[in-house]
Amino acid sequence: MNKNIRLSIIFIVFAIVFLNVFPAYPSDDSSPEKITDLSDRKYEQALIDLLDNAKESIVVSMYGISTGAGEKTPVMLLLNDLLEARKRGVSVTMYLNTRFRDTDKSEGSFIKSPVFKELKDSGCVIYLIPSSRKLHDKLIIVDNRYVVIGSTNWSNSALRRDFESNALIDSPRHAMEKLSRLEDVLKFVKSNTEISGIPDYLEGLPDGISIPEEAIA
């Protein structure tokens, strides 16, 4: 057999073995299955579709929720989708920021709104992150598979007017990573004395009002 032919055969066999041992892409399916752009006006309808079709679970981790005035605002439609999901038996968990810039304090009014109470009464699990730390997420995870992440807070201006960059990631692996991270955030909040030392109901009191230390114990 010609020497050059033998060398070519050896090279081909070596290449096949090498590629099987060291594949060009990870073999553990660590890369996302599919990524879809949901920037700007694509976000709202895509998210509505996800919430309306959720089968098992919805997790929302959000910096700001501003309902605005009226019952049919874009944000109220999303919150109503959460209520509808609860009626279908879907678990709904919310992680909500309570620390805002001075100009954003109105966003915290959601916690005092009737729809917040309605969500709690429907069985939604709601974690308020104490204001000693800022939760800056704009994250939704549906059915332990779909991850929506980007820059959009739930406000009428963000949903209908502002330029916002978002993506939908179809990846159970990535969804579990995000859920695990939220569990770590919650553990930190519960265990950190700097944060947990002040009960939630004593935060944000008007200036000049103080509570005696013995009343807190």
Protein backbone atom coordinates (compact mmCIF):
# COMPACT_ATOMS: atom_id res chain seq x y z
CA MET A 1 0.00 0.00 0.00
CA ASN A 2 1.29 3.42 -0.89
CA LYS A 3 2.89 5.18 2.08
CA ASN A 4 0.84 8.35 1.55
CA ILE A 5 -2.39 6.34 1.50
CA ARG A 6 -1.45 4.58 4.75
CA LEU A 7 -0.71 7.93 6.39
CA SER A 8 -4.05 9.30 5.19
CA ILE A 9 -5.93 6.32 6.62
CA ILE A 10 -4.11 6.67 9.96
CA PHE A 11 -4.93 10.39 10.07
CA ILE A 12 -8.64 9.75 9.38
CA VAL A 13 -8.86 7.05 12.06
CA PHE A 14 -7.07 9.31 14.55
CA ALA A 15 -9.42 12.20 13.75
CA ILE A 16 -12.52 10.02 14.28
CA VAL A 17 -11.24 8.74 17.62
CA PHE A 18 -10.22 12.23 18.74
CA LEU A 19 -13.62 13.74 17.91
CA ASN A 20 -15.42 10.96 19.78
CA VAL A 21 -13.30 11.53 22.88
CA PHE A 22 -13.29 15.33 22.65
CA PRO A 23 -16.49 16.37 20.86
CA ALA A 24 -16.75 19.89 19.45
CA TYR A 25 -19.78 20.62 21.68
CA PRO A 26 -20.48 19.55 25.26
CA SER A 27 -22.14 16.17 25.48
CA ASP A 28 -24.05 17.00 28.67
CA ASP A 29 -26.56 19.23 26.89
CA SER A 30 -25.35 22.21 28.93
CA SER A 31 -26.08 24.65 26.13
CA PRO A 32 -29.63 26.07 25.98
CA GLU A 33 -32.01 24.18 23.74
CA LYS A 34 -33.43 27.36 22.27
CA ILE A 35 -33.12 31.13 22.78
CA THR A 36 -35.77 33.53 21.48
CA ASP A 37 -35.47 37.31 21.52
CA LEU A 38 -38.30 38.99 23.41
CA SER A 39 -37.10 42.57 23.28
CA ASP A 40 -39.38 45.58 23.30
CA ARG A 41 -42.96 44.81 22.17
CA LYS A 42 -42.35 41.06 21.80
CA TYR A 43 -42.15 40.61 25.57
CA GLU A 44 -45.70 41.13 26.77
CA GLN A 45 -47.59 38.76 24.48
CA ALA A 46 -44.95 36.04 24.73
CA LEU A 47 -45.09 36.23 28.51
CA ILE A 48 -48.88 36.14 28.53
CA ASP A 49 -48.76 32.99 26.39
CA LEU A 50 -46.31 31.38 28.81
CA LEU A 51 -48.36 32.23 31.90
CA ASP A 52 -51.63 31.16 30.28
CA ASN A 53 -50.14 27.79 29.32
CA ALA A 54 -48.24 27.09 32.53
CA LYS A 55 -48.95 23.57 33.76
CA GLU A 56 -47.07 23.25 37.05
CA SER A 57 -45.24 26.31 38.32
CA ILE A 58 -44.54 30.00 37.83
CA VAL A 59 -41.74 31.81 39.65
CA VAL A 60 -41.43 35.59 39.41
CA SER A 61 -38.44 37.48 40.80
CA MET A 62 -38.96 41.18 40.16
CA TYR A 63 -37.38 44.49 41.10
CA GLY A 64 -40.40 46.67 40.41
CA ILE A 65 -44.12 46.09 39.87
CA SER A 66 -46.23 49.19 39.20
CA THR A 67 -49.89 48.48 38.55
CA GLY A 68 -50.90 51.97 37.49
CA ALA A 69 -54.52 53.10 37.41
CA GLY A 70 -57.28 50.88 36.09
CA GLU A 71 -58.05 47.20 35.97
CA LYS A 72 -56.90 46.52 32.40
CA THR A 73 -53.42 47.98 32.43
CA PRO A 74 -50.66 45.75 30.99
CA VAL A 75 -49.33 44.97 34.46
CA MET A 76 -52.77 44.10 35.81
CA LEU A 77 -53.26 41.71 32.90
CA LEU A 78 -50.07 39.87 33.88
CA LEU A 79 -51.08 39.76 37.54
CA ASN A 80 -54.50 38.46 36.57
CA ASP A 81 -52.75 35.73 34.59
CA LEU A 82 -51.04 34.70 37.83
CA LEU A 83 -54.41 34.54 39.56
CA GLU A 84 -55.84 32.48 36.71
CA ALA A 85 -52.87 30.12 36.97
CA ARG A 86 -53.59 29.62 40.66
CA LYS A 87 -57.19 28.71 39.83
CA ARG A 88 -55.79 26.00 37.50
CA GLY A 89 -53.72 24.63 40.37
CA VAL A 90 -50.40 26.05 39.18
CA SER A 91 -48.03 26.99 42.00
CA VAL A 92 -47.02 30.66 41.93
CA THR A 93 -44.01 31.98 43.84
CA MET A 94 -42.93 35.61 43.87
CA TYR A 95 -39.69 37.19 45.10
CA LEU A 96 -40.22 40.94 45.40
CA ASN A 97 -37.81 43.78 45.97
CA THR A 98 -38.70 46.35 48.63
CA ARG A 99 -35.75 48.73 48.26
CA PHE A 100 -36.10 51.50 45.69
CA ARG A 101 -34.42 54.75 44.83
CA ASP A 102 -36.19 57.81 46.20
CA THR A 103 -37.68 58.46 42.76
CA ASP A 104 -38.98 54.88 42.59
CA LYS A 105 -40.77 54.67 45.94
CA SER A 106 -44.15 54.58 44.21
CA GLU A 107 -43.26 51.14 42.82
CA GLY A 108 -43.31 49.77 46.34
CA SER A 109 -47.00 50.65 46.59
CA PHE A 110 -47.82 47.34 44.88
CA ILE A 111 -47.27 45.62 48.22
CA LYS A 112 -50.08 47.70 49.69
CA SER A 113 -52.45 47.23 46.76
CA PRO A 114 -55.58 45.00 46.80
CA VAL A 115 -54.19 42.76 44.06
CA PHE A 116 -51.20 41.91 46.27
CA LYS A 117 -53.55 40.69 48.98
CA GLU A 118 -55.59 38.83 46.38
CA LEU A 119 -52.48 37.02 45.19
CA LYS A 120 -51.59 36.03 48.75
CA ASP A 121 -55.14 34.90 49.48
CA SER A 122 -55.16 32.77 46.32
CA GLY A 123 -52.22 30.76 47.63
CA CYS A 124 -49.30 32.53 45.97
CA VAL A 125 -46.09 32.21 47.98
CA ILE A 126 -44.62 35.71 48.25
CA TYR A 127 -41.17 36.51 49.64
CA LEU A 128 -40.43 40.18 50.36
CA ILE A 129 -36.70 40.79 50.25
CA PRO A 130 -35.94 43.16 53.16
CA SER A 131 -34.73 46.62 52.16
CA SER A 132 -31.26 45.97 53.58
CA ARG A 133 -30.59 44.41 50.19
CA LYS A 134 -31.83 45.21 46.71
CA LEU A 135 -33.32 42.49 44.51
CA HIS A 136 -32.69 43.72 40.98
CA ASP A 137 -34.08 40.72 39.07
CA LYS A 138 -36.43 40.85 36.10
CA LEU A 139 -36.88 37.09 35.93
CA ILE A 140 -39.73 34.65 35.26
CA ILE A 141 -39.41 30.84 35.28
CA VAL A 142 -42.27 28.68 34.03
CA ASP A 143 -42.69 24.93 34.50
CA ASN A 144 -39.02 24.46 35.50
CA ARG A 145 -38.15 24.90 31.83
CA TYR A 146 -38.77 28.35 30.38
CA VAL A 147 -36.67 31.28 31.60
CA VAL A 148 -37.57 34.86 30.67
CA ILE A 149 -34.82 37.27 31.66
CA GLY A 150 -33.83 40.79 30.71
CA SER A 151 -34.36 44.41 31.65
CA THR A 152 -38.15 44.70 31.84
CA ASN A 153 -39.78 45.54 35.14
CA TRP A 154 -43.53 45.06 35.33
CA SER A 155 -44.57 48.63 34.67
CA ASN A 156 -46.88 50.01 32.02
CA SER A 157 -44.13 52.13 30.49
CA ALA A 158 -41.67 49.23 30.31
CA LEU A 159 -44.24 46.95 28.69
CA ARG A 160 -45.71 49.38 26.18
CA ARG A 161 -43.28 52.25 25.58
CA ASP A 162 -39.68 51.79 26.71
CA PHE A 163 -36.87 50.02 24.88
CA GLU A 164 -36.15 46.82 26.81
CA SER A 165 -33.91 43.85 26.03
CA ASN A 166 -35.16 40.36 26.98
CA ALA A 167 -34.73 36.73 26.03
CA LEU A 168 -36.71 33.51 26.43
CA ILE A 169 -34.45 30.54 27.17
CA ASP A 170 -35.96 27.10 26.72
CA SER A 171 -33.66 25.05 28.95
CA PRO A 172 -34.60 22.91 31.97
CA ARG A 173 -30.97 22.96 33.05
CA HIS A 174 -30.79 26.75 33.07
CA ALA A 175 -34.18 26.98 34.78
CA MET A 176 -32.96 24.76 37.61
CA GLU A 177 -29.82 26.88 37.97
CA LYS A 178 -31.94 30.01 38.33
CA LEU A 179 -34.27 28.34 40.83
CA SER A 180 -31.32 27.12 42.88
CA ARG A 181 -29.90 30.63 42.93
CA LEU A 182 -33.22 32.03 44.23
CA GLU A 183 -33.18 29.42 46.99
CA ASP A 184 -29.69 30.61 47.91
CA VAL A 185 -30.91 34.22 48.01
CA LEU A 186 -33.71 33.21 50.36
CA LYS A 187 -31.35 31.25 52.62
CA PHE A 188 -29.04 34.24 52.81
CA VAL A 189 -31.88 36.58 53.71
CA LYS A 190 -33.10 34.25 56.45
CA SER A 191 -29.68 33.56 57.94
CA ASN A 192 -28.00 36.96 57.68
CA THR A 193 -28.44 38.79 60.98
CA GLU A 194 -27.84 42.16 59.34
CA ILE A 195 -31.00 41.58 57.32
CA SER A 196 -33.16 39.33 59.45
CA GLY A 197 -32.70 41.37 62.65
CA ILE A 198 -35.48 43.79 61.68
CA PRO A 199 -38.96 42.33 61.11
CA ASP A 200 -40.47 43.23 57.75
CA TYR A 201 -43.43 44.93 59.37
CA LEU A 202 -41.14 47.46 61.09
CA GLU A 203 -39.37 48.58 57.94
CA GLY A 204 -40.28 51.74 56.12
CA LEU A 205 -41.86 53.45 59.10
CA PRO A 206 -42.36 57.23 58.77
CA ASP A 207 -39.54 59.43 60.02
CA GLY A 208 -39.69 60.16 63.73
CA ILE A 209 -41.37 56.88 64.68
CA SER A 210 -39.27 54.36 66.57
CA ILE A 211 -40.07 51.08 68.29
CA PRO A 212 -38.52 50.23 71.68
CA GLU A 213 -36.08 47.35 71.41
CA GLU A 214 -37.94 45.31 74.02
CA ALA A 215 -41.09 45.50 71.89
CA ILE A 216 -39.29 43.81 68.99
CA ALA A 217 -37.87 40.89 70.96
